[in-house]
């Protein structure tokens, strides 16, 4: 038993020495850190000042969010056939709405729509140019002399018809479209809840609020046109046709009444033939009027049931300011500087001790 204890004693003694050395080493490192505290504090202050300077360059942004549902009734095979016959397209997948929203067909109309920002009425494209100071970026964008005709240094939109745009205007339109997709607009779709979440973030509170409303409105207009746009045009034609036929029927009814009063019971063969022709024309016109009215009512019923319905679930009415605290950034910068300072001091000591052995 004594032999076993004596055998274990040196091992215990070694462990005790190792722990002692560890404690002494920690104390030694702490003394080194304290001795070099001014270097560490200086690095902390430098990193804090760098963080403060970066914060000054940071542009505050304002965010607004909107969640909505797009309701479309499921069609039977017979209803789908009727819809196809009438030109109603209800086969657009809901997950495609995110692509539609970011497409040129929608965003170009938004860019060339007008809104009031800071009391000034102008195209949204021009508001974005001013808020994001794009002239400064565009000033250094073209360096090759042969591309100078496309220089956008002082460019502003002056018209909203894309078919009339020249190359410079198309270039600016494309650049702003890209900026919106990359930095301003976000959209996602949850295929389980069927909810769309759209967000707009810009450097101006009013611009954020106006943009999210305009983008949403343009989405509704474009999507509705793609689904029931042509039938709506046909419906308008039927309404106009019904009005004109109604006017014609009233005119012929007046003529028939006048002819009845004029003859006063004495009807010549010639006037009788003329009256019969007018009656036949009146009957044909009335039959056509009734047919047009029936078609209009049927199409109106179909449109009422097949038109897509957008429903807002939640909306940020006052854009949220994404102002980051400069104090927090400075504190993080100083903490990082102090940490790097300690690493530097301890690393230097370890290297010196290693070289001294």
Protein backbone atom coordinates (compact mmCIF):
# COMPACT_ATOMS: atom_id res chain seq x y z
CA UNK A 1 0.00 0.00 0.00
CA UNK A 2 2.87 2.29 0.88
CA UNK A 3 4.54 1.41 -2.38
CA UNK A 4 1.44 2.41 -4.30
CA UNK A 5 1.20 5.72 -2.49
CA UNK A 6 4.84 6.50 -3.10
CA UNK A 7 4.31 5.64 -6.74
CA UNK A 8 1.44 8.10 -7.06
CA UNK A 9 3.10 10.92 -5.14
CA UNK A 10 5.38 12.19 -7.93
CA UNK A 11 2.40 12.36 -10.33
CA UNK A 12 0.47 14.48 -7.85
CA UNK A 13 3.51 16.68 -7.35
CA UNK A 14 3.87 17.18 -11.15
CA UNK A 15 0.24 18.23 -11.45
CA UNK A 16 0.66 20.70 -8.62
CA UNK A 17 3.71 22.24 -10.28
CA UNK A 18 1.90 22.51 -13.67
CA UNK A 19 -1.05 24.30 -12.10
CA UNK A 20 1.31 26.60 -10.26
CA UNK A 21 3.14 27.43 -13.47
CA UNK A 22 -0.19 28.15 -15.20
CA UNK A 23 -1.23 30.56 -12.47
CA UNK A 24 2.17 32.27 -12.58
CA UNK A 25 1.94 32.54 -16.36
CA UNK A 26 -1.50 34.17 -16.14
CA UNK A 27 -0.18 36.64 -13.58
CA UNK A 28 2.79 37.34 -15.83
CA UNK A 29 0.51 37.97 -18.81
CA UNK A 30 -1.70 40.26 -16.75
CA UNK A 31 1.31 42.30 -15.63
CA UNK A 32 2.40 42.58 -19.27
CA UNK A 33 -1.08 43.76 -20.29
CA UNK A 34 -1.11 46.33 -17.47
CA UNK A 35 2.42 47.50 -18.32
CA UNK A 36 1.40 48.02 -21.96
CA UNK A 37 -2.04 49.41 -21.13
CA UNK A 38 -1.44 52.69 -22.96
CA UNK A 39 -0.81 50.85 -26.24
CA UNK A 40 -4.01 48.83 -25.76
CA UNK A 41 -6.08 51.91 -24.85
CA UNK A 42 -4.66 53.80 -27.81
CA UNK A 43 -5.70 51.01 -30.21
CA UNK A 44 -9.15 50.99 -28.62
CA UNK A 45 -9.53 54.74 -29.12
CA UNK A 46 -8.32 54.55 -32.72
CA UNK A 47 -10.84 51.81 -33.57
CA UNK A 48 -13.58 53.78 -31.81
CA UNK A 49 -12.77 56.87 -33.91
CA UNK A 50 -12.77 54.77 -37.08
CA UNK A 51 -16.21 53.40 -36.17
CA UNK A 52 -17.47 56.93 -35.53
CA UNK A 53 -16.14 58.13 -38.89
CA UNK A 54 -17.79 55.24 -40.73
CA UNK A 55 -21.07 56.06 -38.98
CA UNK A 56 -20.92 59.63 -40.28
CA UNK A 57 -20.80 58.29 -43.84
CA UNK A 58 -23.75 55.98 -43.19
CA UNK A 59 -27.02 57.19 -44.73
CA UNK A 60 -30.13 56.75 -42.63
CA UNK A 61 -32.84 54.74 -44.36
CA UNK A 62 -36.61 54.46 -43.96
CA UNK A 63 -38.53 51.22 -44.39
CA UNK A 64 -42.16 50.43 -45.05
CA UNK A 65 -43.72 46.99 -45.35
CA UNK A 66 -46.95 45.71 -46.82
CA UNK A 67 -48.39 42.19 -46.68
CA UNK A 68 -51.28 41.17 -48.89
CA UNK A 69 -53.29 38.25 -50.23
CA UNK A 70 -54.24 37.62 -53.83
CA UNK A 71 -57.54 35.75 -53.95
CA UNK A 72 -58.51 33.79 -57.04
CA UNK A 73 -61.41 31.32 -57.15
CA UNK A 74 -60.70 27.79 -58.31
CA UNK A 75 -62.32 27.01 -61.66
CA UNK A 76 -64.10 23.91 -62.83
CA UNK A 77 -63.21 22.55 -66.25
CA UNK A 78 -66.37 24.06 -67.77
CA UNK A 79 -65.68 27.46 -66.18
CA UNK A 80 -62.09 27.31 -67.42
CA UNK A 81 -63.32 26.66 -70.95
CA UNK A 82 -65.69 29.65 -70.76
CA UNK A 83 -62.91 31.83 -69.31
CA UNK A 84 -60.58 30.83 -72.14
CA UNK A 85 -63.30 31.62 -74.68
CA UNK A 86 -63.79 35.06 -73.16
CA UNK A 87 -60.05 35.70 -72.95
CA UNK A 88 -59.84 35.53 -69.13
CA UNK A 89 -56.43 34.25 -68.02
CA UNK A 90 -56.54 32.77 -64.51
CA UNK A 91 -53.56 30.45 -64.95
CA UNK A 92 -50.83 32.80 -63.68
CA UNK A 93 -49.10 31.00 -60.74
CA UNK A 94 -49.08 33.06 -57.55
CA UNK A 95 -45.34 32.59 -57.09
CA UNK A 96 -44.85 34.41 -60.41
CA UNK A 97 -46.21 37.60 -58.85
CA UNK A 98 -42.81 38.25 -57.26
CA UNK A 99 -41.21 38.20 -60.72
CA UNK A 100 -43.98 40.36 -62.16
CA UNK A 101 -43.48 42.94 -59.41
CA UNK A 102 -39.77 43.32 -60.19
CA UNK A 103 -40.22 43.25 -63.94
CA UNK A 104 -39.57 46.18 -66.26
CA UNK A 105 -43.26 46.24 -67.24
CA UNK A 106 -44.20 47.24 -63.68
CA UNK A 107 -41.18 49.17 -62.37
CA UNK A 108 -40.68 51.25 -65.52
CA UNK A 109 -44.21 52.59 -65.08
CA UNK A 110 -43.42 53.34 -61.43
CA UNK A 111 -40.21 55.17 -62.33
CA UNK A 112 -42.09 57.27 -64.88
CA UNK A 113 -45.04 57.98 -62.58
CA UNK A 114 -45.20 61.27 -60.68
CA UNK A 115 -45.28 61.80 -56.94
CA UNK A 116 -44.84 64.58 -54.41
CA UNK A 117 -41.58 64.39 -52.45
CA UNK A 118 -40.48 67.27 -50.21
CA UNK A 119 -43.22 69.42 -51.75
CA UNK A 120 -42.03 68.87 -55.33
CA UNK A 121 -44.05 67.09 -58.03
CA UNK A 122 -41.78 65.08 -60.31
CA UNK A 123 -41.18 61.66 -61.80
CA UNK A 124 -40.14 59.06 -59.23
CA UNK A 125 -37.07 58.44 -61.37
CA UNK A 126 -35.97 62.05 -60.82
CA UNK A 127 -36.72 61.85 -57.08
CA UNK A 128 -34.53 58.74 -56.84
CA UNK A 129 -31.74 60.49 -58.79
CA UNK A 130 -31.76 63.34 -56.24
CA UNK A 131 -32.18 61.29 -53.07
CA UNK A 132 -29.44 58.80 -54.01
CA UNK A 133 -27.19 61.49 -55.52
CA UNK A 134 -26.85 59.41 -58.68
CA UNK A 135 -25.33 62.29 -60.63
CA UNK A 136 -22.17 61.91 -58.53
CA UNK A 137 -21.98 58.19 -59.35
CA UNK A 138 -22.77 58.72 -63.01
CA UNK A 139 -20.12 61.43 -63.23
CA UNK A 140 -17.35 58.84 -62.91
CA UNK A 141 -19.20 56.02 -64.64
CA UNK A 142 -18.15 56.79 -68.21
CA UNK A 143 -14.44 57.28 -68.81
CA UNK A 144 -14.16 56.34 -72.46
CA UNK A 145 -14.57 59.37 -74.74
CA UNK A 146 -16.57 57.45 -77.34
CA UNK A 147 -19.31 56.82 -74.76
CA UNK A 148 -19.62 60.48 -73.74
CA UNK A 149 -22.95 60.89 -75.59
CA UNK A 150 -24.42 58.55 -72.94
CA UNK A 151 -23.10 60.66 -70.06
CA UNK A 152 -25.85 61.01 -67.41
CA UNK A 153 -24.07 63.58 -65.24
CA UNK A 154 -26.94 66.11 -65.32
CA UNK A 155 -29.69 63.85 -66.60
CA UNK A 156 -33.35 64.10 -65.59
CA UNK A 157 -36.45 62.51 -67.10
CA UNK A 158 -38.62 64.95 -69.02
CA UNK A 159 -41.20 62.59 -70.58
CA UNK A 160 -42.92 59.32 -69.72
CA UNK A 161 -43.41 57.59 -73.08
CA UNK A 162 -40.74 54.90 -73.36
CA UNK A 163 -41.33 54.48 -77.10
CA UNK A 164 -40.05 58.06 -77.51
CA UNK A 165 -36.90 57.52 -75.41
CA UNK A 166 -33.41 57.86 -76.82
CA UNK A 167 -30.45 55.70 -75.76
CA UNK A 168 -29.46 58.00 -72.89
CA UNK A 169 -32.96 57.91 -71.39
CA UNK A 170 -33.15 54.13 -71.73
CA UNK A 171 -29.77 53.81 -70.02
CA UNK A 172 -30.94 55.92 -67.05
CA UNK A 173 -34.19 53.96 -66.86
CA UNK A 174 -32.27 50.68 -66.77
CA UNK A 175 -29.87 51.96 -64.09
CA UNK A 176 -32.70 53.08 -61.78
CA UNK A 177 -34.60 49.82 -62.39
CA UNK A 178 -31.49 47.92 -61.27
CA UNK A 179 -31.10 50.15 -58.19
CA UNK A 180 -34.70 49.52 -57.14
CA UNK A 181 -34.31 45.75 -57.44
CA UNK A 182 -30.94 45.67 -55.66
CA UNK A 183 -31.41 48.18 -52.84
CA UNK A 184 -34.98 49.47 -52.57
CA UNK A 185 -37.56 46.76 -53.20
CA UNK A 186 -37.98 43.35 -51.59
CA UNK A 187 -40.79 40.85 -52.18
CA UNK A 188 -41.32 37.30 -51.01
CA UNK A 189 -44.15 34.80 -51.15
CA UNK A 190 -45.06 32.11 -48.61
CA UNK A 191 -46.61 29.20 -50.50
CA UNK A 192 -48.06 27.79 -47.25
CA UNK A 193 -49.88 30.89 -46.02
CA UNK A 194 -50.30 32.33 -49.57
CA UNK A 195 -49.21 35.70 -48.18
CA UNK A 196 -47.02 38.18 -50.07
CA UNK A 197 -44.66 40.45 -48.10
CA UNK A 198 -43.37 43.53 -49.87
CA UNK A 199 -40.88 46.00 -48.46
CA UNK A 200 -39.48 49.33 -49.64
CA UNK A 201 -36.42 50.98 -48.09
CA UNK A 202 -35.04 54.33 -49.26
CA UNK A 203 -33.10 57.28 -47.87
CA UNK A 204 -36.20 59.49 -47.74
CA UNK A 205 -39.31 58.87 -45.64
CA UNK A 206 -41.74 60.40 -48.14
CA UNK A 207 -40.14 58.56 -51.04
CA UNK A 208 -40.52 55.26 -49.19
CA UNK A 209 -44.20 55.89 -48.46
CA UNK A 210 -45.05 57.04 -51.98
CA UNK A 211 -43.07 54.29 -53.70
CA UNK A 212 -44.65 51.40 -51.83
CA UNK A 213 -48.15 52.70 -52.63
CA UNK A 214 -47.33 53.29 -56.30
CA UNK A 215 -45.61 49.92 -56.77
CA UNK A 216 -48.56 48.12 -55.19
CA UNK A 217 -51.05 50.01 -57.37
CA UNK A 218 -49.07 49.27 -60.54
CA UNK A 219 -48.90 45.59 -59.61
CA UNK A 220 -52.69 45.44 -59.24
CA UNK A 221 -53.21 47.25 -62.54
CA UNK A 222 -50.76 45.08 -64.48
CA UNK A 223 -51.88 41.77 -62.96
CA UNK A 224 -55.56 42.63 -63.47
CA UNK A 225 -54.93 43.52 -67.10
CA UNK A 226 -53.07 40.26 -67.67
CA UNK A 227 -55.98 38.25 -66.27
CA UNK A 228 -59.14 40.12 -67.34
CA UNK A 229 -57.82 43.05 -69.35
CA UNK A 230 -59.06 41.97 -72.77
CA UNK A 231 -62.52 40.95 -71.53
CA UNK A 232 -62.81 44.35 -69.85
CA UNK A 233 -62.02 46.02 -73.16
CA UNK A 234 -64.69 43.85 -74.82
CA UNK A 235 -67.12 44.79 -72.06
CA UNK A 236 -66.54 48.48 -72.75
CA UNK A 237 -67.18 47.87 -76.45
CA UNK A 238 -70.46 46.14 -75.60
CA UNK A 239 -71.48 49.03 -73.33
CA UNK A 240 -70.81 51.54 -76.11
CA UNK A 241 -72.64 49.36 -78.61
CA UNK A 242 -75.63 49.02 -76.29
CA UNK A 243 -75.79 52.81 -75.84
CA UNK A 244 -75.68 53.47 -79.58
CA UNK A 245 -78.37 50.86 -80.31
CA UNK A 246 -80.54 52.27 -77.54
CA UNK A 247 -80.24 55.73 -79.08
CA UNK A 248 -81.12 54.31 -82.51
CA UNK A 249 -84.18 52.49 -81.13
CA UNK A 250 -85.44 55.66 -79.47
CA UNK A 251 -84.98 57.54 -82.74
CA UNK A 252 -86.97 54.93 -84.73
CA UNK A 253 -89.71 54.84 -82.12
CA UNK A 254 -90.07 58.59 -82.52
CA UNK A 255 -90.24 58.23 -86.32
CA UNK A 256 -92.91 55.53 -86.07
CA UNK A 257 -95.00 57.66 -83.71
CA UNK A 258 -94.64 60.63 -86.03
CA UNK A 259 -95.75 58.58 -89.05
CA UNK A 260 -98.77 57.30 -87.16
CA UNK A 261 -99.82 60.86 -86.24
CA UNK A 262 -99.18 62.20 -89.76
CA UNK A 263 -101.36 59.72 -91.63
CA UNK A 264 -104.35 60.27 -89.32
CA UNK A 265 -105.86 57.08 -90.57
CA UNK A 266 -105.37 57.88 -94.25
CA UNK A 267 -102.52 55.64 -95.32
CA UNK A 268 -101.28 55.62 -98.87
CA UNK A 269 -99.65 52.53 -100.36
CA UNK A 270 -96.28 54.25 -100.58
CA UNK A 271 -96.29 55.50 -96.98
CA UNK A 272 -97.48 52.10 -95.82
CA UNK A 273 -94.46 50.42 -97.44
CA UNK A 274 -92.13 52.96 -95.86
CA UNK A 275 -93.69 52.37 -92.47
CA UNK A 276 -93.37 48.58 -92.83
CA UNK A 277 -89.67 48.92 -93.70
CA UNK A 278 -89.11 51.08 -90.65
CA UNK A 279 -90.90 48.55 -88.45
CA UNK A 280 -88.75 45.70 -89.78
CA UNK A 281 -85.60 47.74 -89.19
CA UNK A 282 -86.84 48.61 -85.71
CA UNK A 283 -87.51 44.93 -84.88
CA UNK A 284 -84.07 43.87 -86.11
CA UNK A 285 -82.40 46.65 -84.17
CA UNK A 286 -84.36 45.80 -81.03
CA UNK A 287 -83.38 42.13 -81.36
CA UNK A 288 -79.72 43.09 -81.76
CA UNK A 289 -80.01 45.42 -78.77
CA UNK A 290 -81.39 42.61 -76.59
CA UNK A 291 -78.61 40.26 -77.73
CA UNK A 292 -75.90 42.83 -76.96
CA UNK A 293 -77.48 43.48 -73.55
CA UNK A 294 -77.49 39.75 -72.71
CA UNK A 295 -73.84 39.38 -73.76
CA UNK A 296 -72.88 42.42 -71.73
CA UNK A 297 -74.64 41.12 -68.61
CA UNK A 298 -73.05 37.67 -68.96
CA UNK A 299 -69.60 39.15 -69.41
CA UNK A 300 -70.17 41.53 -66.51
CA UNK A 301 -71.08 38.56 -64.28
CA UNK A 302 -67.98 36.65 -65.37
CA UNK A 303 -65.73 39.63 -64.74
CA UNK A 304 -67.21 40.16 -61.29
CA UNK A 305 -66.41 36.57 -60.36
CA UNK A 306 -63.07 36.14 -62.14
CA UNK A 307 -61.36 39.46 -61.46
CA UNK A 308 -58.40 39.01 -59.05
CA UNK A 309 -58.91 40.45 -55.58
CA UNK A 310 -55.98 41.99 -53.73
CA UNK A 311 -56.41 42.29 -49.98
CA UNK A 312 -53.98 44.19 -47.72
CA UNK A 313 -53.36 42.35 -44.44
CA UNK A 314 -50.85 44.67 -42.80
CA UNK A 315 -49.12 47.90 -43.75
CA UNK A 316 -46.56 50.29 -42.28
CA UNK A 317 -48.26 53.67 -42.67
CA UNK A 318 -45.37 55.70 -41.25
CA UNK A 319 -41.96 54.50 -42.55
CA UNK A 320 -39.63 53.24 -39.83
CA UNK A 321 -36.31 55.06 -39.51
CA UNK A 322 -33.36 52.66 -39.52
CA UNK A 323 -31.07 54.99 -37.57
CA UNK A 324 -28.17 53.08 -36.09
CA UNK A 325 -26.82 54.29 -32.73
CA UNK A 326 -23.39 55.90 -33.13
CA UNK A 327 -22.69 55.21 -29.47
CA UNK A 328 -23.22 51.50 -30.00
CA UNK A 329 -20.94 51.48 -33.05
CA UNK A 330 -18.21 53.41 -31.18
CA UNK A 331 -18.46 51.02 -28.22
CA UNK A 332 -18.12 48.02 -30.53
CA UNK A 333 -15.17 49.67 -32.27
CA UNK A 334 -13.42 50.39 -28.97
CA UNK A 335 -14.04 46.85 -27.71
CA UNK A 336 -12.58 45.45 -30.91
CA UNK A 337 -9.56 47.77 -30.58
CA UNK A 338 -8.94 46.74 -26.97
CA UNK A 339 -9.20 43.08 -27.93
CA UNK A 340 -6.74 43.51 -30.79
CA UNK A 341 -4.42 45.48 -28.47
CA UNK A 342 -4.37 42.66 -25.91
CA UNK A 343 -3.73 40.09 -28.65
CA UNK A 344 -0.87 42.25 -29.95
CA UNK A 345 0.76 42.70 -26.52
CA UNK A 346 0.48 39.04 -25.53
CA UNK A 347 1.60 37.85 -28.95
CA UNK A 348 4.66 40.07 -28.80
CA UNK A 349 5.55 38.75 -25.33
CA UNK A 350 5.17 35.12 -26.39
CA UNK A 351 7.47 35.71 -29.38
CA UNK A 352 10.07 37.51 -27.19
CA UNK A 353 10.02 34.70 -24.61
CA UNK A 354 10.38 32.06 -27.34
CA UNK A 355 13.37 33.83 -28.90
CA UNK A 356 15.01 34.32 -25.48
CA UNK A 357 15.06 30.58 -24.69
